[in-house]
Amino acid sequence: MDWELTGPARDLMVGRVAEQAPQVFAMCELERDDEGELLDGHIYAWGLAFDGTVQWSTPDGTVHGISDSLDRPMRRMSRIAEVGVVWPQRTTAG
């Protein structure tokens, strides 16, 4: 069965979907050597940021969480590793 909206139903909903779509982010863990040079990094979790709520899950789905902000899970992770966030759909000013 095809669940994709088309025609007038799609036209009705496409603007609402764009306005309310969550923002995708990746919680990343970085690895450095003793001199501070960046060696590697990996995605610890993927997440969705809604208005007032974030939900995240490790890529294998074994660890997940919900919080009122991204600050809480990032602070928790930063206690054990160097971490940062990447927002794939955002562009940075050059």
N, C-alpha and C. Protein backbone atom coordinates (compact mmCIF):
# COMPACT_ATOMS: atom_id res chain seq x y z
N MET A 1 0.84 -1.18 0.00
CA MET A 1 0.00 0.00 0.00
C MET A 1 0.89 1.24 0.00
N ASP A 2 0.52 2.23 -0.80
CA ASP A 2 1.26 3.49 -0.89
C ASP A 2 0.60 4.52 0.01
N TRP A 3 1.35 4.99 1.00
CA TRP A 3 0.80 5.92 1.99
C TRP A 3 1.10 7.38 1.67
N GLU A 4 1.83 7.66 0.61
CA GLU A 4 2.22 9.03 0.31
C GLU A 4 1.02 9.85 -0.16
N LEU A 5 0.87 11.03 0.45
CA LEU A 5 -0.21 11.92 0.05
C LEU A 5 0.09 12.55 -1.31
N THR A 6 -0.95 12.73 -2.11
CA THR A 6 -0.82 13.37 -3.41
C THR A 6 -1.98 14.34 -3.60
N GLY A 7 -1.89 15.13 -4.63
CA GLY A 7 -2.98 16.03 -5.00
C GLY A 7 -3.35 17.02 -3.91
N PRO A 8 -4.65 17.32 -3.77
CA PRO A 8 -5.10 18.31 -2.79
C PRO A 8 -4.72 17.98 -1.34
N ALA A 9 -4.71 16.69 -1.00
CA ALA A 9 -4.35 16.32 0.37
C ALA A 9 -2.88 16.68 0.65
N ARG A 10 -2.01 16.43 -0.32
CA ARG A 10 -0.60 16.80 -0.16
C ARG A 10 -0.46 18.31 -0.10
N ASP A 11 -1.14 19.01 -1.00
CA ASP A 11 -1.09 20.47 -1.02
C ASP A 11 -1.52 21.07 0.32
N LEU A 12 -2.52 20.49 0.93
CA LEU A 12 -3.01 20.96 2.23
C LEU A 12 -1.94 20.79 3.31
N MET A 13 -1.24 19.68 3.29
CA MET A 13 -0.34 19.34 4.39
C MET A 13 1.12 19.77 4.22
N VAL A 14 1.58 20.01 3.02
CA VAL A 14 3.01 20.25 2.79
C VAL A 14 3.52 21.46 3.56
N GLY A 15 2.78 22.53 3.65
CA GLY A 15 3.21 23.71 4.41
C GLY A 15 3.28 23.43 5.90
N ARG A 16 2.29 22.74 6.41
CA ARG A 16 2.28 22.39 7.83
C ARG A 16 3.45 21.47 8.19
N VAL A 17 3.73 20.53 7.30
CA VAL A 17 4.86 19.62 7.55
C VAL A 17 6.16 20.41 7.59
N ALA A 18 6.35 21.33 6.66
CA ALA A 18 7.58 22.14 6.64
C ALA A 18 7.71 22.98 7.90
N GLU A 19 6.62 23.56 8.37
CA GLU A 19 6.66 24.41 9.57
C GLU A 19 6.95 23.61 10.84
N GLN A 20 6.46 22.40 10.92
CA GLN A 20 6.56 21.63 12.15
C GLN A 20 7.60 20.52 12.12
N ALA A 21 8.35 20.39 11.04
CA ALA A 21 9.33 19.31 10.93
C ALA A 21 10.41 19.44 11.99
N PRO A 22 10.76 18.34 12.64
CA PRO A 22 11.85 18.40 13.61
C PRO A 22 13.18 18.59 12.90
N GLN A 23 14.15 19.11 13.62
CA GLN A 23 15.49 19.26 13.08
C GLN A 23 16.31 18.02 13.45
N VAL A 24 16.99 17.47 12.48
CA VAL A 24 17.84 16.30 12.70
C VAL A 24 19.21 16.76 13.20
N PHE A 25 19.75 16.04 14.16
CA PHE A 25 21.10 16.34 14.63
C PHE A 25 21.82 15.04 14.93
N ALA A 26 23.14 15.14 14.98
CA ALA A 26 23.99 14.00 15.36
C ALA A 26 24.81 14.41 16.58
N MET A 27 24.79 13.56 17.59
CA MET A 27 25.64 13.75 18.76
C MET A 27 26.93 12.99 18.47
N CYS A 28 28.05 13.72 18.38
CA CYS A 28 29.31 13.13 17.94
C CYS A 28 30.31 13.05 19.08
N GLU A 29 31.09 11.98 19.07
CA GLU A 29 32.15 11.78 20.04
C GLU A 29 33.48 11.85 19.31
N LEU A 30 34.41 12.67 19.83
CA LEU A 30 35.71 12.88 19.20
C LEU A 30 36.82 12.19 19.97
N GLU A 31 37.84 11.77 19.23
CA GLU A 31 39.00 11.12 19.85
C GLU A 31 40.24 11.92 19.47
N ARG A 32 41.03 12.28 20.46
CA ARG A 32 42.26 13.04 20.24
C ARG A 32 43.46 12.29 20.83
N ASP A 33 44.63 12.60 20.30
CA ASP A 33 45.85 12.02 20.88
C ASP A 33 46.30 12.86 22.07
N ASP A 34 47.41 12.49 22.68
CA ASP A 34 47.90 13.18 23.88
C ASP A 34 48.25 14.64 23.64
N GLU A 35 48.55 14.99 22.39
CA GLU A 35 48.89 16.38 22.05
C GLU A 35 47.65 17.19 21.64
N GLY A 36 46.49 16.54 21.62
CA GLY A 36 45.26 17.23 21.28
C GLY A 36 44.88 17.20 19.81
N GLU A 37 45.67 16.48 19.00
CA GLU A 37 45.35 16.36 17.58
C GLU A 37 44.15 15.43 17.41
N LEU A 38 43.23 15.85 16.56
CA LEU A 38 42.04 15.04 16.29
C LEU A 38 42.43 13.78 15.53
N LEU A 39 42.09 12.63 16.08
CA LEU A 39 42.40 11.34 15.46
C LEU A 39 41.20 10.76 14.73
N ASP A 40 40.04 10.84 15.37
CA ASP A 40 38.86 10.17 14.82
C ASP A 40 37.61 10.70 15.50
N GLY A 41 36.51 10.30 15.02
CA GLY A 41 35.23 10.64 15.61
C GLY A 41 34.17 9.69 15.11
N HIS A 42 33.10 9.60 15.86
CA HIS A 42 31.99 8.77 15.40
C HIS A 42 30.68 9.36 15.90
N ILE A 43 29.62 8.93 15.29
CA ILE A 43 28.29 9.38 15.70
C ILE A 43 27.84 8.52 16.87
N TYR A 44 27.66 9.18 18.01
CA TYR A 44 27.17 8.48 19.19
C TYR A 44 25.67 8.24 19.08
N ALA A 45 24.94 9.27 18.61
CA ALA A 45 23.49 9.14 18.52
C ALA A 45 22.94 10.08 17.45
N TRP A 46 21.83 9.70 16.89
CA TRP A 46 21.04 10.56 16.01
C TRP A 46 19.87 11.09 16.81
N GLY A 47 19.47 12.32 16.50
CA GLY A 47 18.36 12.88 17.26
C GLY A 47 17.43 13.73 16.43
N LEU A 48 16.29 14.02 17.02
CA LEU A 48 15.29 14.92 16.46
C LEU A 48 14.98 15.99 17.49
N ALA A 49 15.06 17.24 17.07
CA ALA A 49 14.74 18.36 17.95
C ALA A 49 13.38 18.92 17.54
N PHE A 50 12.43 18.81 18.45
CA PHE A 50 11.10 19.38 18.28
C PHE A 50 11.05 20.67 19.08
N ASP A 51 9.97 21.38 19.02
CA ASP A 51 9.80 22.59 19.81
C ASP A 51 9.68 22.20 21.28
N GLY A 52 10.77 22.38 22.04
CA GLY A 52 10.74 22.09 23.46
C GLY A 52 11.08 20.67 23.87
N THR A 53 11.44 19.81 22.92
CA THR A 53 11.77 18.42 23.24
C THR A 53 12.82 17.91 22.26
N VAL A 54 13.74 17.11 22.77
CA VAL A 54 14.66 16.39 21.89
C VAL A 54 14.55 14.90 22.19
N GLN A 55 14.65 14.11 21.14
CA GLN A 55 14.66 12.66 21.25
C GLN A 55 15.89 12.18 20.52
N TRP A 56 16.58 11.20 21.10
CA TRP A 56 17.79 10.70 20.47
C TRP A 56 17.92 9.20 20.69
N SER A 57 18.71 8.58 19.81
CA SER A 57 18.94 7.15 19.89
C SER A 57 20.29 6.82 19.28
N THR A 58 21.00 5.89 19.90
CA THR A 58 22.24 5.41 19.30
C THR A 58 21.91 4.72 17.98
N PRO A 59 22.87 4.70 17.04
CA PRO A 59 22.58 4.09 15.75
C PRO A 59 22.07 2.66 15.82
N ASP A 60 22.50 1.90 16.83
CA ASP A 60 22.02 0.52 16.94
C ASP A 60 20.73 0.40 17.76
N GLY A 61 20.23 1.53 18.27
CA GLY A 61 18.96 1.54 18.99
C GLY A 61 19.01 1.04 20.42
N THR A 62 20.20 0.76 20.96
CA THR A 62 20.28 0.19 22.30
C THR A 62 20.18 1.23 23.41
N VAL A 63 20.51 2.49 23.11
CA VAL A 63 20.42 3.57 24.10
C VAL A 63 19.63 4.71 23.47
N HIS A 64 18.68 5.24 24.22
CA HIS A 64 17.87 6.35 23.69
C HIS A 64 17.37 7.20 24.83
N GLY A 65 16.91 8.38 24.50
CA GLY A 65 16.41 9.26 25.54
C GLY A 65 15.54 10.38 25.00
N ILE A 66 14.86 11.02 25.93
CA ILE A 66 14.01 12.18 25.64
C ILE A 66 14.34 13.22 26.69
N SER A 67 14.46 14.46 26.26
CA SER A 67 14.79 15.53 27.19
C SER A 67 14.11 16.81 26.74
N ASP A 68 14.06 17.79 27.65
CA ASP A 68 13.46 19.06 27.29
C ASP A 68 14.43 19.95 26.50
N SER A 69 15.71 19.58 26.47
CA SER A 69 16.69 20.32 25.68
C SER A 69 17.85 19.41 25.33
N LEU A 70 18.64 19.81 24.39
CA LEU A 70 19.81 19.04 24.00
C LEU A 70 20.92 19.18 25.03
N ASP A 71 20.86 20.22 25.84
CA ASP A 71 21.89 20.48 26.84
C ASP A 71 22.05 19.31 27.82
N ARG A 72 20.98 18.74 28.28
CA ARG A 72 21.05 17.66 29.27
C ARG A 72 21.82 16.43 28.78
N PRO A 73 21.46 15.84 27.64
CA PRO A 73 22.23 14.67 27.20
C PRO A 73 23.67 15.02 26.82
N MET A 74 23.89 16.22 26.29
CA MET A 74 25.25 16.61 25.93
C MET A 74 26.12 16.79 27.18
N ARG A 75 25.58 17.38 28.22
CA ARG A 75 26.34 17.52 29.47
C ARG A 75 26.69 16.15 30.05
N ARG A 76 25.73 15.25 29.99
CA ARG A 76 25.97 13.89 30.52
C ARG A 76 27.08 13.20 29.73
N MET A 77 27.01 13.27 28.40
CA MET A 77 28.04 12.65 27.57
C MET A 77 29.40 13.30 27.76
N SER A 78 29.42 14.62 27.98
CA SER A 78 30.70 15.33 28.08
C SER A 78 31.47 14.95 29.33
N ARG A 79 30.84 14.29 30.28
CA ARG A 79 31.54 13.82 31.47
C ARG A 79 32.51 12.67 31.16
N ILE A 80 32.24 11.95 30.08
CA ILE A 80 33.06 10.78 29.77
C ILE A 80 33.81 10.90 28.44
N ALA A 81 33.49 11.91 27.62
CA ALA A 81 34.13 12.02 26.31
C ALA A 81 34.02 13.45 25.80
N GLU A 82 34.84 13.77 24.81
CA GLU A 82 34.70 15.06 24.12
C GLU A 82 33.58 14.89 23.10
N VAL A 83 32.60 15.75 23.17
CA VAL A 83 31.42 15.61 22.33
C VAL A 83 31.07 16.93 21.64
N GLY A 84 30.29 16.82 20.61
CA GLY A 84 29.79 17.98 19.89
C GLY A 84 28.56 17.59 19.10
N VAL A 85 27.88 18.59 18.56
CA VAL A 85 26.65 18.36 17.81
C VAL A 85 26.84 18.85 16.37
N VAL A 86 26.31 18.08 15.44
CA VAL A 86 26.27 18.50 14.04
C VAL A 86 24.80 18.52 13.61
N TRP A 87 24.40 19.64 13.03
CA TRP A 87 23.05 19.81 12.48
C TRP A 87 23.20 19.72 10.95
N PRO A 88 22.97 18.57 10.33
CA PRO A 88 23.25 18.40 8.90
C PRO A 88 22.55 19.39 7.98
N GLN A 89 21.36 19.82 8.31
CA GLN A 89 20.62 20.69 7.41
C GLN A 89 20.97 22.16 7.58
N ARG A 90 21.76 22.51 8.58
CA ARG A 90 22.15 23.90 8.78
C ARG A 90 23.44 24.18 8.02
N THR A 91 23.51 25.38 7.50
CA THR A 91 24.75 25.80 6.85
C THR A 91 25.43 26.83 7.74
N THR A 92 26.73 26.90 7.66
CA THR A 92 27.46 27.87 8.47
C THR A 92 27.91 29.01 7.58
N ALA A 93 27.91 30.20 8.14
CA ALA A 93 28.37 31.37 7.39
C ALA A 93 29.87 31.28 7.20
N GLY A 94 30.35 31.61 6.02
CA GLY A 94 31.75 31.49 5.72
C GLY A 94 32.52 32.71 5.89
